[in-house]
N, C-alpha and C. Protein backbone atom coordinates (compact mmCIF):
# COMPACT_ATOMS: atom_id res chain seq x y z
N MET A 1 25.87 51.72 -9.82
CA MET A 1 24.73 52.61 -9.88
C MET A 1 25.22 54.05 -10.00
N LYS A 2 24.62 54.80 -10.90
CA LYS A 2 25.02 56.18 -11.15
C LYS A 2 24.38 57.11 -10.12
N ARG A 3 25.22 58.01 -9.57
CA ARG A 3 24.71 58.98 -8.60
C ARG A 3 23.96 60.10 -9.32
N VAL A 4 22.96 60.61 -8.66
CA VAL A 4 22.19 61.72 -9.21
C VAL A 4 22.88 63.02 -8.82
N ASP A 5 23.19 63.84 -9.80
CA ASP A 5 23.81 65.14 -9.55
C ASP A 5 22.70 66.18 -9.49
N ARG A 6 22.26 66.46 -8.27
CA ARG A 6 21.12 67.35 -8.05
C ARG A 6 21.39 68.76 -8.57
N GLU A 7 22.59 69.27 -8.32
CA GLU A 7 22.92 70.63 -8.77
C GLU A 7 22.91 70.72 -10.30
N ARG A 8 23.43 69.72 -10.94
CA ARG A 8 23.43 69.70 -12.41
C ARG A 8 22.00 69.68 -12.94
N GLU A 9 21.16 68.87 -12.34
CA GLU A 9 19.76 68.80 -12.75
C GLU A 9 19.08 70.16 -12.62
N LEU A 10 19.34 70.86 -11.52
CA LEU A 10 18.74 72.18 -11.31
C LEU A 10 19.26 73.19 -12.32
N ASN A 11 20.54 73.11 -12.66
CA ASN A 11 21.12 74.05 -13.62
C ASN A 11 20.64 73.79 -15.04
N GLU A 12 20.30 72.57 -15.36
CA GLU A 12 19.83 72.25 -16.70
C GLU A 12 18.31 72.37 -16.85
N ALA A 13 17.61 72.46 -15.74
CA ALA A 13 16.15 72.54 -15.78
C ALA A 13 15.70 73.80 -16.48
N ARG A 14 14.64 73.66 -17.26
CA ARG A 14 14.05 74.80 -17.97
C ARG A 14 13.10 75.52 -17.02
N THR A 15 13.13 76.85 -17.07
CA THR A 15 12.32 77.63 -16.14
C THR A 15 11.86 78.93 -16.80
N SER A 16 11.03 79.66 -16.10
CA SER A 16 10.52 80.93 -16.61
C SER A 16 11.56 82.04 -16.42
N LEU A 17 11.33 83.14 -17.08
CA LEU A 17 12.21 84.30 -16.97
C LEU A 17 12.31 84.77 -15.52
N VAL A 18 11.20 84.84 -14.82
CA VAL A 18 11.19 85.31 -13.43
C VAL A 18 11.98 84.37 -12.53
N ASN A 19 11.79 83.06 -12.68
CA ASN A 19 12.53 82.10 -11.87
C ASN A 19 14.02 82.13 -12.20
N PHE A 20 14.34 82.30 -13.47
CA PHE A 20 15.75 82.41 -13.87
C PHE A 20 16.38 83.62 -13.21
N ALA A 21 15.69 84.76 -13.22
CA ALA A 21 16.22 85.98 -12.61
C ALA A 21 16.49 85.78 -11.13
N GLU A 22 15.57 85.14 -10.43
CA GLU A 22 15.74 84.89 -8.99
C GLU A 22 16.96 84.01 -8.73
N LYS A 23 17.07 82.92 -9.47
CA LYS A 23 18.20 82.01 -9.26
C LYS A 23 19.51 82.66 -9.67
N TYR A 24 19.52 83.35 -10.80
CA TYR A 24 20.71 84.06 -11.28
C TYR A 24 21.19 85.06 -10.21
N ASN A 25 20.29 85.85 -9.68
CA ASN A 25 20.65 86.87 -8.70
C ASN A 25 21.16 86.26 -7.39
N ARG A 26 20.61 85.12 -7.00
CA ARG A 26 21.08 84.44 -5.78
C ARG A 26 22.49 83.91 -5.94
N MET A 27 22.86 83.51 -7.17
CA MET A 27 24.16 82.90 -7.42
C MET A 27 25.27 83.93 -7.68
N LEU A 28 24.91 85.19 -7.82
CA LEU A 28 25.90 86.21 -8.18
C LEU A 28 26.90 86.50 -7.08
N ALA A 29 28.11 86.77 -7.49
CA ALA A 29 29.13 87.23 -6.55
C ALA A 29 28.84 88.70 -6.22
N PRO A 30 29.24 89.15 -5.05
CA PRO A 30 29.03 90.56 -4.69
C PRO A 30 29.68 91.48 -5.72
N GLY A 31 29.00 92.57 -6.02
CA GLY A 31 29.53 93.55 -6.95
C GLY A 31 29.01 93.41 -8.37
N PHE A 32 28.42 92.27 -8.71
CA PHE A 32 27.87 92.09 -10.04
C PHE A 32 26.45 92.67 -10.07
N PRO A 33 26.06 93.27 -11.19
CA PRO A 33 24.70 93.82 -11.27
C PRO A 33 23.65 92.71 -11.33
N HIS A 34 22.56 92.93 -10.63
CA HIS A 34 21.47 91.96 -10.62
C HIS A 34 20.66 92.05 -11.90
N ALA A 35 20.15 90.91 -12.33
CA ALA A 35 19.33 90.84 -13.53
C ALA A 35 17.93 91.32 -13.23
N SER A 36 17.38 92.09 -14.13
CA SER A 36 15.99 92.52 -14.02
C SER A 36 15.21 91.85 -15.15
N PRO A 37 13.91 91.70 -14.97
CA PRO A 37 13.10 91.13 -16.06
C PRO A 37 13.24 91.94 -17.36
N LYS A 38 13.33 93.25 -17.24
CA LYS A 38 13.49 94.11 -18.41
C LYS A 38 14.78 93.78 -19.16
N ALA A 39 15.87 93.63 -18.43
CA ALA A 39 17.16 93.30 -19.05
C ALA A 39 17.12 91.90 -19.67
N LEU A 40 16.48 90.96 -19.01
CA LEU A 40 16.39 89.61 -19.55
C LEU A 40 15.55 89.58 -20.82
N GLN A 41 14.51 90.39 -20.88
CA GLN A 41 13.70 90.47 -22.09
C GLN A 41 14.51 91.08 -23.24
N ARG A 42 15.32 92.10 -22.95
CA ARG A 42 16.18 92.68 -23.99
C ARG A 42 17.20 91.67 -24.48
N PHE A 43 17.78 90.89 -23.56
CA PHE A 43 18.73 89.85 -23.95
C PHE A 43 18.03 88.82 -24.84
N GLN A 44 16.85 88.42 -24.46
CA GLN A 44 16.09 87.43 -25.23
C GLN A 44 15.79 87.96 -26.63
N SER A 45 15.48 89.23 -26.75
CA SER A 45 15.24 89.84 -28.06
C SER A 45 16.51 89.91 -28.89
N SER A 46 17.63 90.11 -28.23
CA SER A 46 18.92 90.22 -28.92
C SER A 46 19.43 88.86 -29.41
N TYR A 47 19.04 87.78 -28.75
CA TYR A 47 19.52 86.44 -29.08
C TYR A 47 18.35 85.46 -29.27
N PRO A 48 17.53 85.69 -30.28
CA PRO A 48 16.36 84.81 -30.45
C PRO A 48 16.70 83.35 -30.73
N ARG A 49 17.87 83.08 -31.26
CA ARG A 49 18.24 81.68 -31.54
C ARG A 49 18.43 80.86 -30.27
N LEU A 50 18.76 81.53 -29.18
CA LEU A 50 18.88 80.80 -27.91
C LEU A 50 17.52 80.35 -27.39
N PHE A 51 16.46 80.91 -27.95
CA PHE A 51 15.10 80.63 -27.49
C PHE A 51 14.21 80.14 -28.61
N LYS A 52 14.80 79.57 -29.67
CA LYS A 52 14.02 79.20 -30.85
C LYS A 52 13.01 78.09 -30.58
N ASP A 53 13.27 77.19 -29.66
CA ASP A 53 12.33 76.10 -29.37
C ASP A 53 11.21 76.54 -28.44
N ASP A 54 11.52 77.40 -27.50
CA ASP A 54 10.53 77.94 -26.57
C ASP A 54 11.15 79.15 -25.87
N ASP A 55 10.41 79.74 -24.96
CA ASP A 55 10.94 80.93 -24.30
C ASP A 55 11.42 80.63 -22.87
N SER A 56 11.71 79.37 -22.59
CA SER A 56 12.19 79.02 -21.25
C SER A 56 13.69 79.25 -21.13
N TRP A 57 14.13 79.36 -19.92
CA TRP A 57 15.52 79.66 -19.59
C TRP A 57 16.13 78.52 -18.79
N SER A 58 17.46 78.40 -18.84
CA SER A 58 18.17 77.47 -17.95
C SER A 58 19.48 78.13 -17.54
N ILE A 59 19.87 77.89 -16.32
CA ILE A 59 21.13 78.44 -15.82
C ILE A 59 22.28 77.94 -16.68
N ASP A 60 22.27 76.67 -16.99
CA ASP A 60 23.35 76.05 -17.76
C ASP A 60 23.52 76.68 -19.14
N LYS A 61 22.42 76.94 -19.82
CA LYS A 61 22.48 77.43 -21.19
C LYS A 61 22.60 78.95 -21.29
N HIS A 62 21.99 79.69 -20.37
CA HIS A 62 21.88 81.13 -20.54
C HIS A 62 22.70 81.99 -19.57
N ARG A 63 23.10 81.47 -18.43
CA ARG A 63 23.76 82.28 -17.41
C ARG A 63 25.02 82.98 -17.92
N LYS A 64 25.96 82.24 -18.45
CA LYS A 64 27.23 82.80 -18.91
C LYS A 64 27.02 83.80 -20.04
N ARG A 65 26.18 83.44 -21.00
CA ARG A 65 25.93 84.34 -22.13
C ARG A 65 25.26 85.62 -21.67
N PHE A 66 24.29 85.51 -20.76
CA PHE A 66 23.64 86.71 -20.24
C PHE A 66 24.64 87.56 -19.45
N MET A 67 25.45 86.93 -18.63
CA MET A 67 26.42 87.67 -17.82
C MET A 67 27.38 88.46 -18.71
N ASP A 68 27.87 87.85 -19.77
CA ASP A 68 28.76 88.55 -20.71
C ASP A 68 28.05 89.71 -21.40
N TRP A 69 26.85 89.48 -21.85
CA TRP A 69 26.07 90.52 -22.52
C TRP A 69 25.74 91.65 -21.55
N TYR A 70 25.32 91.29 -20.35
CA TYR A 70 24.86 92.27 -19.37
C TYR A 70 25.99 93.18 -18.89
N ALA A 71 27.19 92.70 -18.91
CA ALA A 71 28.33 93.52 -18.46
C ALA A 71 28.44 94.80 -19.27
N SER A 72 28.05 94.77 -20.53
CA SER A 72 28.12 95.97 -21.35
C SER A 72 26.77 96.65 -21.57
N HIS A 73 25.70 96.13 -20.99
CA HIS A 73 24.37 96.68 -21.19
C HIS A 73 23.65 97.09 -19.91
N TYR A 74 24.16 96.78 -18.74
CA TYR A 74 23.38 97.00 -17.52
C TYR A 74 23.18 98.46 -17.18
N ASN A 75 23.98 99.37 -17.68
CA ASN A 75 23.79 100.80 -17.41
C ASN A 75 22.57 101.38 -18.12
N LYS A 76 22.01 100.63 -19.06
CA LYS A 76 20.87 101.13 -19.85
C LYS A 76 19.53 100.83 -19.21
N ASP A 77 19.50 100.16 -18.07
CA ASP A 77 18.21 99.85 -17.40
C ASP A 77 17.60 101.06 -16.77
């Protein structure tokens, strides 16, 4: 019988921008800038192909890409 990986399920789950921001900010290491809805909307506008099917977010699909992008854009908030 296959075990259920609860953490993996949560990371792959599709969610709203606001819920993504909350989860993303909770998972951050100290010293990293927190995501704001405004920054997430700018990221979404910059990478429309990541959202071509719908406008939902997932930690698994968007966290790393947003973190890389945000490192060079967070001073503009």
